[in-house]
C-alpha atoms as a PDB file:
ATOM      1  CA  MET A   1      18.426   3.140  93.856  1.00  0.00           C
ATOM      2  CA  ARG A   2      18.261   6.385  91.884  1.00  0.00           C
ATOM      3  CA  ASN A   3      20.360   9.384  92.734  1.00  0.00           C
ATOM      4  CA  TYR A   4      18.723  12.770  92.387  1.00  0.00           C
ATOM      5  CA  ASP A   5      20.539  16.034  91.826  1.00  0.00           C
ATOM      6  CA  PHE A   6      18.901  18.574  94.145  1.00  0.00           C
ATOM      7  CA  SER A   7      21.445  21.333  93.463  1.00  0.00           C
ATOM      8  CA  PRO A   8      19.058  23.391  91.268  1.00  0.00           C
ATOM      9  CA  LEU A   9      16.575  23.463  94.152  1.00  0.00           C
ATOM     10  CA  TRP A  10      19.256  24.448  96.655  1.00  0.00           C
ATOM     11  CA  ARG A  11      20.398  27.335  94.483  1.00  0.00           C
ATOM     12  CA  SER A  12      16.880  28.789  94.439  1.00  0.00           C
ATOM     13  CA  THR A  13      16.320  28.778  98.191  1.00  0.00           C
ATOM     14  CA  ILE A  14      16.797  31.844 100.345  1.00  0.00           C
ATOM     15  CA  GLY A  15      18.950  31.682 103.423  1.00  0.00           C
ATOM     16  CA  PHE A  16      20.476  28.378 104.431  1.00  0.00           C
ATOM     17  CA  ASP A  17      20.818  26.675 101.066  1.00  0.00           C
ATOM     18  CA  HIS A  18      24.254  25.241 101.934  1.00  0.00           C
ATOM     19  CA  LEU A  19      22.979  23.837 105.230  1.00  0.00           C
ATOM     20  CA  PHE A  20      21.618  20.821 103.356  1.00  0.00           C
ATOM     21  CA  ASP A  21      25.152  20.034 102.190  1.00  0.00           C
ATOM     22  CA  ALA A  22      26.354  19.995 105.783  1.00  0.00           C
ATOM     23  CA  PHE A  23      23.574  17.596 106.796  1.00  0.00           C
ATOM     24  CA  ASP A  24      24.430  15.402 103.829  1.00  0.00           C
ATOM     25  CA  GLN A  25      28.095  15.299 104.859  1.00  0.00           C
ATOM     26  CA  LEU A  26      27.152  14.344 108.426  1.00  0.00           C
ATOM     27  CA  GLN A  27      24.907  11.590 107.169  1.00  0.00           C
ATOM     28  CA  ARG A  28      27.609  10.148 104.933  1.00  0.00           C
ATOM     29  CA  SER A  29      30.354  10.271 107.521  1.00  0.00           C
ATOM     30  CA  GLY A  30      28.237   8.535 110.155  1.00  0.00           C
ATOM     31  CA  VAL A  31      29.426  11.034 112.751  1.00  0.00           C
ATOM     32  CA  GLU A  32      26.668  13.132 114.216  1.00  0.00           C
ATOM     33  CA  ASP A  33      27.117  15.478 117.134  1.00  0.00           C
ATOM     34  CA  ASN A  34      23.793  16.757 118.424  1.00  0.00           C
ATOM     35  CA  PHE A  35      25.210  19.146 121.008  1.00  0.00           C
ATOM     36  CA  PRO A  36      24.056  21.800 121.514  1.00  0.00           C
ATOM     37  CA  PRO A  37      20.502  21.401 120.244  1.00  0.00           C
ATOM     38  CA  TYR A  38      19.289  24.265 118.059  1.00  0.00           C
ATOM     39  CA  ASN A  39      16.352  25.585 116.037  1.00  0.00           C
ATOM     40  CA  ILE A  40      16.386  27.640 112.843  1.00  0.00           C
ATOM     41  CA  THR A  41      13.333  29.860 112.446  1.00  0.00           C
ATOM     42  CA  ARG A  42      12.238  31.984 109.487  1.00  0.00           C
ATOM     43  CA  LEU A  43      11.033  35.325 110.874  1.00  0.00           C
ATOM     44  CA  GLY A  44      10.285  36.931 107.512  1.00  0.00           C
ATOM     45  CA  GLU A  45      11.143  36.674 103.836  1.00  0.00           C
ATOM     46  CA  ASP A  46      14.788  37.633 104.445  1.00  0.00           C
ATOM     47  CA  ARG A  47      15.089  37.258 108.239  1.00  0.00           C
ATOM     48  CA  TYR A  48      16.096  34.189 110.227  1.00  0.00           C
ATOM     49  CA  GLN A  49      16.900  33.261 113.807  1.00  0.00           C
ATOM     50  CA  ILE A  50      19.115  30.490 115.142  1.00  0.00           C
ATOM     51  CA  SER A  51      18.346  29.506 118.754  1.00  0.00           C
ATOM     52  CA  LEU A  52      20.824  27.316 120.636  1.00  0.00           C
ATOM     53  CA  ALA A  53      20.031  25.718 123.998  1.00  0.00           C
ATOM     54  CA  LEU A  54      23.093  26.377 126.172  1.00  0.00           C
ATOM     55  CA  ALA A  55      22.006  25.528 129.706  1.00  0.00           C
ATOM     56  CA  GLY A  56      24.767  26.010 132.241  1.00  0.00           C
ATOM     57  CA  PHE A  57      26.909  28.327 130.098  1.00  0.00           C
ATOM     58  CA  ARG A  58      27.580  31.963 130.910  1.00  0.00           C
ATOM     59  CA  SER A  59      27.740  34.540 128.116  1.00  0.00           C
ATOM     60  CA  GLU A  60      31.499  35.008 128.607  1.00  0.00           C
ATOM     61  CA  GLN A  61      32.008  31.279 127.920  1.00  0.00           C
ATOM     62  CA  ILE A  62      30.417  31.571 124.451  1.00  0.00           C
ATOM     63  CA  ARG A  63      32.169  32.908 121.368  1.00  0.00           C
ATOM     64  CA  LEU A  64      30.527  33.821 118.025  1.00  0.00           C
ATOM     65  CA  THR A  65      32.598  34.255 114.878  1.00  0.00           C
ATOM     66  CA  ALA A  66      31.257  35.220 111.444  1.00  0.00           C
ATOM     67  CA  GLU A  67      33.696  34.798 108.589  1.00  0.00           C
ATOM     68  CA  ARG A  68      32.573  34.907 104.953  1.00  0.00           C
ATOM     69  CA  ASN A  69      29.706  32.409 104.686  1.00  0.00           C
ATOM     70  CA  MET A  70      30.457  30.579 107.925  1.00  0.00           C
ATOM     71  CA  LEU A  71      29.022  31.259 111.386  1.00  0.00           C
ATOM     72  CA  THR A  72      30.838  29.495 114.219  1.00  0.00           C
ATOM     73  CA  VAL A  73      29.492  29.197 117.761  1.00  0.00           C
ATOM     74  CA  GLU A  74      31.949  27.901 120.357  1.00  0.00           C
ATOM     75  CA  GLY A  75      31.505  27.281 124.045  1.00  0.00           C
ATOM     76  CA  SER A  76      34.071  26.269 126.604  1.00  0.00           C
ATOM     77  CA  ARG A  77      33.510  25.118 130.158  1.00  0.00           C
ATOM     78  CA  SER A  78      35.924  23.463 132.472  1.00  0.00           C
ATOM     79  CA  GLU A  79      34.793  20.029 133.537  1.00  0.00           C
ATOM     80  CA  LYS A  80      36.425  20.384 136.938  1.00  0.00           C
ATOM     81  CA  THR A  81      34.024  21.096 139.761  1.00  0.00           C
ATOM     82  CA  ASP A  82      34.019  20.772 143.518  1.00  0.00           C
ATOM     83  CA  GLN A  83      30.475  19.380 143.552  1.00  0.00           C
ATOM     84  CA  ASP A  84      29.745  15.725 144.274  1.00  0.00           C
ATOM     85  CA  PHE A  85      27.063  14.756 141.732  1.00  0.00           C
ATOM     86  CA  VAL A  86      24.659  11.899 142.390  1.00  0.00           C
ATOM     87  CA  TYR A  87      23.494  12.232 138.772  1.00  0.00           C
ATOM     88  CA  GLN A  88      24.837  14.622 136.126  1.00  0.00           C
ATOM     89  CA  GLY A  89      22.508  15.066 133.145  1.00  0.00           C
ATOM     90  CA  ILE A  90      23.493  18.589 132.097  1.00  0.00           C
ATOM     91  CA  ALA A  91      26.315  18.528 129.570  1.00  0.00           C
ATOM     92  CA  VAL A  92      29.512  20.170 130.801  1.00  0.00           C
ATOM     93  CA  ARG A  93      31.536  19.761 127.643  1.00  0.00           C
ATOM     94  CA  SER A  94      32.954  22.277 125.273  1.00  0.00           C
ATOM     95  CA  PHE A  95      31.461  22.482 121.796  1.00  0.00           C
ATOM     96  CA  LYS A  96      31.918  23.981 118.369  1.00  0.00           C
ATOM     97  CA  ARG A  97      28.923  24.294 116.036  1.00  0.00           C
ATOM     98  CA  GLN A  98      29.254  25.710 112.514  1.00  0.00           C
ATOM     99  CA  PHE A  99      26.522  27.001 110.227  1.00  0.00           C
ATOM    100  CA  ASN A 100      27.016  27.576 106.510  1.00  0.00           C
ATOM    101  CA  LEU A 101      25.273  30.788 105.493  1.00  0.00           C
ATOM    102  CA  ALA A 102      23.960  31.613 102.035  1.00  0.00           C
ATOM    103  CA  ASP A 103      25.287  34.532 100.035  1.00  0.00           C
ATOM    104  CA  TYR A 104      24.482  37.972 101.499  1.00  0.00           C
ATOM    105  CA  VAL A 105      23.254  36.536 104.834  1.00  0.00           C
ATOM    106  CA  GLN A 106      24.717  38.546 107.699  1.00  0.00           C
ATOM    107  CA  VAL A 107      24.602  38.238 111.468  1.00  0.00           C
ATOM    108  CA  LYS A 108      22.751  41.278 112.816  1.00  0.00           C
ATOM    109  CA  ASP A 109      22.413  40.595 116.536  1.00  0.00           C
ATOM    110  CA  ALA A 110      22.976  37.989 119.232  1.00  0.00           C
ATOM    111  CA  LYS A 111      21.319  37.784 122.652  1.00  0.00           C
ATOM    112  CA  TYR A 112      21.829  35.296 125.453  1.00  0.00           C
ATOM    113  CA  GLU A 113      19.196  34.986 128.140  1.00  0.00           C
ATOM    114  CA  ASP A 114      17.559  32.186 130.086  1.00  0.00           C
ATOM    115  CA  GLY A 115      19.950  29.578 128.668  1.00  0.00           C
ATOM    116  CA  LEU A 116      19.104  30.359 125.022  1.00  0.00           C
ATOM    117  CA  LEU A 117      21.471  32.014 122.575  1.00  0.00           C
ATOM    118  CA  LYS A 118      19.428  33.741 119.850  1.00  0.00           C
ATOM    119  CA  ILE A 119      21.273  34.854 116.723  1.00  0.00           C
ATOM    120  CA  GLU A 120      19.440  37.160 114.299  1.00  0.00           C
ATOM    121  CA  LEU A 121      20.336  36.821 110.618  1.00  0.00           C
ATOM    122  CA  VAL A 122      19.302  39.034 107.704  1.00  0.00           C
ATOM    123  CA  ARG A 123      19.727  38.511 103.984  1.00  0.00           C
ATOM    124  CA  GLU A 124      20.602  41.836 102.365  1.00  0.00           C
ATOM    125  CA  VAL A 125      21.236  41.753  98.630  1.00  0.00           C
ATOM    126  CA  PRO A 126      23.239  44.784  97.441  1.00  0.00           C
ATOM    127  CA  GLU A 127      21.411  47.135  95.056  1.00  0.00           C
ATOM    128  CA  ALA A 128      23.935  46.362  92.322  1.00  0.00           C
ATOM    129  CA  MET A 129      22.962  42.660  92.506  1.00  0.00           C
ATOM    130  CA  LYS A 130      19.169  43.184  92.396  1.00  0.00           C
ATOM    131  CA  PRO A 131      17.372  42.758  89.059  1.00  0.00           C
ATOM    132  CA  ARG A 132      16.497  45.926  87.185  1.00  0.00           C
ATOM    133  CA  GLU A 133      14.668  46.600  83.945  1.00  0.00           C
ATOM    134  CA  ILE A 134      16.785  47.957  81.113  1.00  0.00           C
ATOM    135  CA  PRO A 135      15.216  50.570  78.775  1.00  0.00           C
ATOM    136  CA  ILE A 136      15.220  49.785  75.054  1.00  0.00           C
ATOM    137  CA  ASN A 137      15.848  52.814  72.822  1.00  0.00           C
ATOM    138  CA  GLY A 138      15.710  54.979  75.931  1.00  0.00           C
ATOM    139  CA  GLN A 139      12.181  53.901  76.932  1.00  0.00           C
ATOM    140  CA  LEU A 140      10.730  51.188  79.102  1.00  0.00           C
ATOM    141  CA  PRO A 141       8.024  49.109  77.363  1.00  0.00           C
ATOM    142  CA  ASN A 142       4.441  50.328  77.823  1.00  0.00           C
ATOM    143  CA  ARG A 143       2.848  48.111  80.466  1.00  0.00           C
ATOM    144  CA  PRO A 144      -0.948  48.722  80.573  1.00  0.00           C
ATOM    145  CA  GLN A 145      -1.522  46.258  83.439  1.00  0.00           C
ATOM    146  CA  LEU A 146       0.902  48.194  85.669  1.00  0.00           C
ATOM    147  CA  GLU A 147      -0.639  51.566  84.749  1.00  0.00           C
ATOM    148  CA  ALA A 148      -4.142  50.259  85.525  1.00  0.00           C
ATOM    149  CA  LYS A 149      -3.039  49.143  89.010  1.00  0.00           C
ATOM    150  CA  ALA A 150      -1.441  52.512  89.712  1.00  0.00           C
ATOM    151  CA  ALA A 151      -4.630  54.426  88.815  1.00  0.00           C
END
């Protein structure tokens, strides 16, 4: 079986390029925790949303922490209850889910309603890191195709 090096592709993606590494680590370790289920949606070129299904949790039982390139979502519920269940299919366990974020991806907002936690993420590259054209001998090269579009 051939091994492929996908790292050049991961470097060129926008947003969750390190997320693939996390999936790879889970696959190799054989340990996979699917709770809570979540979706990652691209809302625009540099905007994303993570939606986590957290049925049965209250907003004060959920904690979000963003540190460097790591977003951590934790939930804690006590398993003690005075109810006598005939069948219990809704998970009552605590959880900790971590997301690796790409460079310059920041958490902008989080909302919890109807059992869904929605986390808005935005990739904002600082002006100093954006590409810019450097003048040669004090002038930018004459670009006729750009001048024709402007006219």
